[in-house]
Amino acid sequence: MTSVVRFPSALGDWVRRHLDDGASPDELCHALRERAIAPEAAQAIVDGFVRARHGHAPMPVDQVALPTPAAPGGTPLPPYRHGEPRLRPGTSIATHDRLVRVAARAAQPLLAVLNGVIDADECEQLIALARPRLRPSTLVDPHTGRDVVSGLRSSFGMFFRRAETPLIARLERRLAELMNLPVAHAEGLQVLHYPPGAGSAPHYDFLVPSNPANQASIDRSGQRVSTLVTYLNDVPAGGETVFPAVGWAVSPQRGHAVYFEYANAQGQLDHASLHASAAVLQGEKWVATTWMRERPFVSA
């Protein structure tokens, strides 16, 4: 059983260029994993270009087949057990200051599209506060080990401190109520900006304990269990949040959000939560992201 993973052309250009320069496939997979690209997706993308270079398959353009996830040793992972959702049931969710409408739900993976999470004025204020603090996303160069700006991750981002302003405190409380976990379990609110042409490669939001930093973070605060991505502006074309394993794509519309869960009480992680940001074709894209942990979040 396979699913198709799409990737931005900048990712393909980056992989092809480094293979031409003599980087090994293992180096490239490691570099992609270090920047939160799902290990299975990183391996499938690099393998696709390696096979094409050896004449065993056509050169990938914007997609590769993603095999079913396997456990160490190559055996398939047991099916993810979908338990009781953290997200409350119903066609709307009441917070302390508004009623948020649930426009759509899916069970596997568990996700929902929420309308009216943040109003237009709050969106504009968040963008204005974040804009002067944005920094380019980076990638680990496989030759030097240094962080370099790359077209592979072409967004700009920043984090707010907990309750940094009254607006941030109000939004943190509202978003935590929607996600049905205490504010203390949330990582700092992140704002990302995608200029024209920018997107992100397929990745998971849960922490893969493949490096000491991830394992230490899990030890401090537990695993990430859910994500809420709130769109701060309308995007005329492109910029969808894409879930390639299940064929969902959520269009960015100001004030609306997509919520998804990916960790159950048994410690399993839902690989169907693989997602990416499609390239922005017209305009720009601004989002605010909240990640929730199993336990109160403790930064490094």
Protein backbone atom coordinates (compact mmCIF):
# COMPACT_ATOMS: atom_id res chain seq x y z
CA MET A 1 0.00 0.00 0.00
CA THR A 2 1.43 3.40 -0.97
CA SER A 3 0.36 7.03 -0.95
CA VAL A 4 1.63 9.91 -3.01
CA VAL A 5 3.71 12.68 -1.43
CA ARG A 6 3.97 15.93 -3.34
CA PHE A 7 6.91 18.28 -2.79
CA PRO A 8 7.82 21.80 -3.98
CA SER A 9 10.13 22.11 -6.97
CA ALA A 10 12.70 23.86 -4.75
CA LEU A 11 13.10 20.63 -2.77
CA GLY A 12 13.78 18.64 -5.93
CA ASP A 13 16.27 21.25 -7.13
CA TRP A 14 18.06 21.13 -3.77
CA VAL A 15 18.31 17.33 -3.71
CA ARG A 16 19.44 17.10 -7.34
CA ARG A 17 22.06 19.85 -6.91
CA HIS A 18 23.61 18.23 -3.84
CA LEU A 19 23.68 14.80 -5.48
CA ASP A 20 25.49 16.42 -8.42
CA ASP A 21 27.96 17.98 -5.97
CA GLY A 22 28.77 14.59 -4.47
CA ALA A 23 26.59 14.48 -1.34
CA SER A 24 25.58 10.96 -0.35
CA PRO A 25 21.90 9.96 -0.12
CA ASP A 26 22.34 9.33 3.61
CA GLU A 27 23.69 12.87 4.08
CA LEU A 28 20.71 14.34 2.27
CA CYS A 29 18.18 12.24 4.20
CA HIS A 30 19.82 13.31 7.45
CA ALA A 31 19.75 16.98 6.43
CA LEU A 32 16.05 16.78 5.57
CA ARG A 33 15.19 14.98 8.82
CA GLU A 34 17.08 17.59 10.83
CA ARG A 35 14.62 20.18 9.51
CA ALA A 36 11.50 18.24 10.53
CA ILE A 37 10.75 16.62 7.19
CA ALA A 38 9.20 13.23 7.92
CA PRO A 39 11.86 10.48 7.77
CA GLU A 40 9.73 8.34 5.43
CA ALA A 41 9.12 11.31 3.14
CA ALA A 42 12.80 12.32 3.17
CA GLN A 43 13.87 8.78 2.30
CA ALA A 44 11.27 8.40 -0.45
CA ILE A 45 12.17 11.73 -2.08
CA VAL A 46 15.93 11.11 -2.04
CA ASP A 47 15.46 7.51 -3.24
CA GLY A 48 13.33 8.77 -6.13
CA PHE A 49 16.13 11.01 -7.39
CA VAL A 50 18.79 8.34 -6.84
CA ARG A 51 16.79 5.78 -8.86
CA ALA A 52 16.30 8.33 -11.64
CA ARG A 53 20.05 9.13 -11.76
CA HIS A 54 20.76 5.40 -12.17
CA GLY A 55 18.24 5.14 -15.00
CA HIS A 56 15.81 2.95 -13.05
CA ALA A 57 12.90 5.40 -13.05
CA PRO A 58 11.85 8.76 -14.53
CA MET A 59 13.20 11.87 -12.78
CA PRO A 60 10.62 12.99 -10.15
CA VAL A 61 8.91 16.28 -10.90
CA ASP A 62 6.74 17.09 -7.90
CA GLN A 63 5.78 13.79 -6.27
CA VAL A 64 7.00 10.36 -5.18
CA ALA A 65 5.31 7.27 -3.77
CA LEU A 66 5.50 6.97 0.02
CA PRO A 67 5.58 3.35 1.29
CA THR A 68 3.57 2.30 4.30
CA PRO A 69 5.54 3.23 7.48
CA ALA A 70 7.59 0.42 8.97
CA ALA A 71 9.07 -0.26 12.38
CA PRO A 72 12.83 -0.78 12.88
CA GLY A 73 13.72 -3.99 11.08
CA GLY A 74 11.32 -3.33 8.22
CA THR A 75 8.11 -4.81 9.67
CA PRO A 76 4.94 -2.74 9.11
CA LEU A 77 3.84 -0.59 12.04
CA PRO A 78 0.66 -1.80 13.78
CA PRO A 79 -2.43 0.19 12.75
CA TYR A 80 -2.88 3.44 14.63
CA ARG A 81 -5.66 3.16 17.21
CA HIS A 82 -8.00 6.12 17.05
CA GLY A 83 -9.31 6.74 20.56
CA GLU A 84 -11.65 9.36 21.93
CA PRO A 85 -10.82 12.69 20.25
CA ARG A 86 -9.47 15.52 22.37
CA LEU A 87 -11.49 17.92 20.22
CA ARG A 88 -14.98 18.34 21.63
CA PRO A 89 -17.94 17.02 19.60
CA GLY A 90 -20.64 19.10 17.97
CA THR A 91 -21.07 21.65 15.20
CA SER A 92 -19.58 24.44 17.30
CA ILE A 93 -17.16 24.89 20.22
CA ALA A 94 -17.66 27.56 22.87
CA THR A 95 -14.63 29.39 24.26
CA HIS A 96 -14.57 32.07 26.93
CA ASP A 97 -15.10 34.84 24.37
CA ARG A 98 -16.67 33.36 21.21
CA LEU A 99 -18.46 30.49 19.52
CA VAL A 100 -16.32 28.78 16.88
CA ARG A 101 -18.07 26.83 14.11
CA VAL A 102 -16.87 23.38 13.05
CA ALA A 103 -17.08 23.38 9.24
CA ALA A 104 -15.80 19.84 8.65
CA ARG A 105 -14.41 16.83 10.51
CA ALA A 106 -12.46 13.73 9.50
CA ALA A 107 -11.86 10.67 11.68
CA GLN A 108 -8.66 9.15 10.26
CA PRO A 109 -6.53 11.16 10.75
CA LEU A 110 -8.55 13.15 13.22
CA LEU A 111 -8.80 16.66 11.85
CA ALA A 112 -11.30 19.50 11.72
CA VAL A 113 -11.76 22.77 9.87
CA LEU A 114 -12.81 25.56 12.23
CA ASN A 115 -14.41 28.85 11.19
CA GLY A 116 -14.07 32.17 12.97
CA VAL A 117 -11.18 31.30 15.28
CA ILE A 118 -9.55 34.75 15.06
CA ASP A 119 -11.23 37.93 13.83
CA ALA A 120 -9.84 40.25 11.13
CA ASP A 121 -8.50 42.86 13.55
CA GLU A 122 -6.66 40.22 15.61
CA CYS A 123 -5.15 38.79 12.41
CA GLU A 124 -3.84 42.21 11.40
CA GLN A 125 -2.42 42.84 14.88
CA LEU A 126 -0.62 39.47 14.92
CA ILE A 127 0.95 40.11 11.52
CA ALA A 128 2.05 43.61 12.58
CA LEU A 129 3.62 42.27 15.80
CA ALA A 130 5.37 39.40 14.04
CA ARG A 131 6.62 41.14 10.90
CA PRO A 132 9.69 42.93 12.36
CA ARG A 133 10.80 39.75 14.17
CA LEU A 134 10.68 37.30 11.25
CA ARG A 135 13.78 35.28 10.44
CA PRO A 136 14.39 33.08 7.37
CA SER A 137 13.89 29.35 7.74
CA THR A 138 17.14 27.44 7.36
CA LEU A 139 18.39 24.00 6.34
CA VAL A 140 21.44 22.04 7.48
CA ASP A 141 23.91 21.87 4.60
CA PRO A 142 25.07 18.22 4.34
CA HIS A 143 28.64 19.25 3.46
CA THR A 144 29.28 21.82 6.19
CA GLY A 145 26.73 20.98 8.89
CA ARG A 146 25.82 24.68 9.06
CA ASP A 147 22.36 26.23 8.92
CA VAL A 148 21.90 27.86 5.52
CA VAL A 149 18.95 29.68 3.96
CA SER A 150 17.45 27.39 1.31
CA GLY A 151 14.57 27.37 -1.14
CA LEU A 152 13.54 24.05 0.42
CA ARG A 153 12.09 25.81 3.45
CA SER A 154 11.26 29.22 2.08
CA SER A 155 9.13 30.59 4.90
CA PHE A 156 9.98 33.14 7.59
CA GLY A 157 9.02 32.65 11.22
CA MET A 158 9.08 33.84 14.83
CA PHE A 159 7.75 32.80 18.26
CA PHE A 160 5.91 34.86 20.86
CA ARG A 161 6.69 34.46 24.54
CA ARG A 162 3.89 33.11 26.74
CA ALA A 163 1.36 35.91 27.46
CA GLU A 164 3.77 38.40 25.89
CA THR A 165 0.98 40.94 25.33
CA PRO A 166 -2.71 41.04 26.32
CA LEU A 167 -3.58 40.02 22.74
CA ILE A 168 -1.26 37.00 22.87
CA ALA A 169 -2.61 35.97 26.28
CA ARG A 170 -6.22 36.22 25.04
CA LEU A 171 -5.47 34.19 21.92
CA GLU A 172 -3.49 31.56 23.84
CA ARG A 173 -6.47 31.04 26.16
CA ARG A 174 -8.95 30.79 23.26
CA LEU A 175 -6.79 28.40 21.22
CA ALA A 176 -6.15 26.17 24.25
CA GLU A 177 -9.89 26.00 24.92
CA LEU A 178 -10.47 24.92 21.32
CA MET A 179 -7.74 22.28 21.60
CA ASN A 180 -9.19 21.16 24.97
CA LEU A 181 -5.88 21.20 26.85
CA PRO A 182 -4.44 23.68 29.39
CA VAL A 183 -2.54 26.72 28.14
CA ALA A 184 0.50 25.43 30.03
CA HIS A 185 0.71 22.48 27.60
CA ALA A 186 1.14 24.78 24.58
CA GLU A 187 4.44 25.70 23.01
CA GLY A 188 4.89 29.37 22.23
CA LEU A 189 2.58 30.75 19.55
CA GLN A 190 4.44 30.73 16.22
CA VAL A 191 3.74 32.99 13.24
CA LEU A 192 4.97 31.95 9.79
CA HIS A 193 5.07 34.01 6.61
CA TYR A 194 5.18 32.39 3.16
CA PRO A 195 6.00 34.84 0.32
CA PRO A 196 5.03 34.07 -3.29
CA GLY A 197 6.33 30.65 -4.35
CA ALA A 198 7.05 29.50 -0.80
CA GLY A 199 5.83 26.27 0.76
CA SER A 200 7.02 23.45 2.98
CA ALA A 201 7.92 19.82 2.32
CA PRO A 202 5.87 16.92 3.76
CA HIS A 203 6.51 16.53 7.48
CA TYR A 204 5.06 15.41 10.79
CA ASP A 205 4.44 17.68 13.75
CA PHE A 206 5.07 14.94 16.32
CA LEU A 207 8.66 14.66 17.50
CA VAL A 208 10.59 11.74 16.04
CA PRO A 209 13.11 10.74 18.75
CA SER A 210 15.87 10.34 16.18
CA ASN A 211 18.22 12.89 17.73
CA PRO A 212 19.15 13.91 21.30
CA ALA A 213 17.39 17.29 21.07
CA ASN A 214 14.02 15.72 20.21
CA GLN A 215 14.40 13.03 22.87
CA ALA A 216 15.31 15.61 25.50
CA SER A 217 12.27 17.69 24.57
CA ILE A 218 10.00 14.64 24.87
CA ASP A 219 11.55 13.84 28.27
CA ARG A 220 10.80 17.38 29.50
CA SER A 221 7.28 17.93 28.14
CA GLY A 222 6.00 14.72 26.60
CA GLN A 223 5.13 14.17 22.97
CA ARG A 224 3.31 16.69 20.82
CA VAL A 225 -0.30 15.52 20.50
CA SER A 226 -2.15 18.10 18.38
CA THR A 227 -1.73 21.15 16.15
CA LEU A 228 -3.92 24.16 15.34
CA VAL A 229 -2.94 26.17 12.24
CA THR A 230 -4.87 29.46 12.01
CA TYR A 231 -4.80 31.40 8.74
CA LEU A 232 -4.21 35.13 9.16
CA ASN A 233 -4.98 36.21 5.60
CA ASP A 234 -6.76 35.09 2.42
CA VAL A 235 -4.51 33.51 -0.20
CA PRO A 236 -5.79 34.02 -3.78
CA ALA A 237 -4.19 30.80 -5.09
CA GLY A 238 -2.13 27.99 -3.56
CA GLY A 239 -0.94 27.76 0.03
CA GLU A 240 -3.24 24.89 0.99
CA THR A 241 -2.44 22.70 3.99
CA VAL A 242 -2.20 19.32 2.25
CA PHE A 243 -2.56 15.89 3.91
CA PRO A 244 -1.20 13.62 1.12
CA ALA A 245 -1.83 10.29 2.84
CA VAL A 246 -5.59 10.91 2.91
CA GLY A 247 -6.16 13.35 0.05
CA TRP A 248 -7.27 16.37 2.12
CA ALA A 249 -6.35 19.96 1.28
CA VAL A 250 -7.50 22.90 3.42
CA SER A 251 -7.62 26.32 1.74
CA PRO A 252 -6.18 29.26 3.72
CA GLN A 253 -8.93 31.73 4.59
CA ARG A 254 -8.49 34.55 7.08
CA GLY A 255 -9.56 33.72 10.61
CA HIS A 256 -10.26 30.05 9.88
CA ALA A 257 -8.11 27.14 11.07
CA VAL A 258 -7.30 23.47 10.61
CA TYR A 259 -6.88 21.29 13.70
CA PHE A 260 -5.39 17.78 13.76
CA GLU A 261 -4.30 15.12 16.30
CA TYR A 262 -1.58 12.49 15.93
CA ALA A 263 -0.73 10.80 19.28
CA ASN A 264 -2.89 8.44 21.31
CA ALA A 265 -2.85 7.27 24.93
CA GLN A 266 -0.90 4.12 23.97
CA GLY A 267 2.02 6.20 22.69
CA GLN A 268 1.31 5.50 19.01
CA LEU A 269 1.89 8.23 16.42
CA ASP A 270 -0.46 8.70 13.47
CA HIS A 271 1.58 8.70 10.25
CA ALA A 272 -1.53 9.67 8.29
CA SER A 273 -1.05 13.15 9.80
CA LEU A 274 1.76 13.77 7.28
CA HIS A 275 1.18 17.25 5.87
CA ALA A 276 2.77 20.03 3.83
CA SER A 277 2.12 23.62 2.81
CA ALA A 278 1.51 23.87 -0.92
CA ALA A 279 3.41 26.63 -2.70
CA VAL A 280 1.80 30.06 -2.66
CA LEU A 281 0.83 30.76 -6.28
CA GLN A 282 -0.64 34.25 -5.81
CA GLY A 283 -0.30 36.69 -2.94
CA GLU A 284 1.30 35.65 0.35
CA LYS A 285 0.38 33.47 3.30
CA TRP A 286 0.45 34.16 7.05
CA VAL A 287 -0.37 31.54 9.68
CA ALA A 288 -0.30 31.23 13.47
CA THR A 289 0.51 27.74 14.78
CA THR A 290 -0.06 26.20 18.20
CA TRP A 291 1.39 22.81 19.20
CA MET A 292 0.11 21.01 22.30
CA ARG A 293 2.15 18.62 24.47
CA GLU A 294 1.19 15.71 26.72
CA ARG A 295 2.47 17.61 29.75
CA PRO A 296 3.17 21.29 30.58
CA PHE A 297 5.70 22.63 28.09
CA VAL A 298 9.22 23.27 29.38
CA SER A 299 11.58 24.92 26.90
CA ALA A 300 15.22 23.90 26.57
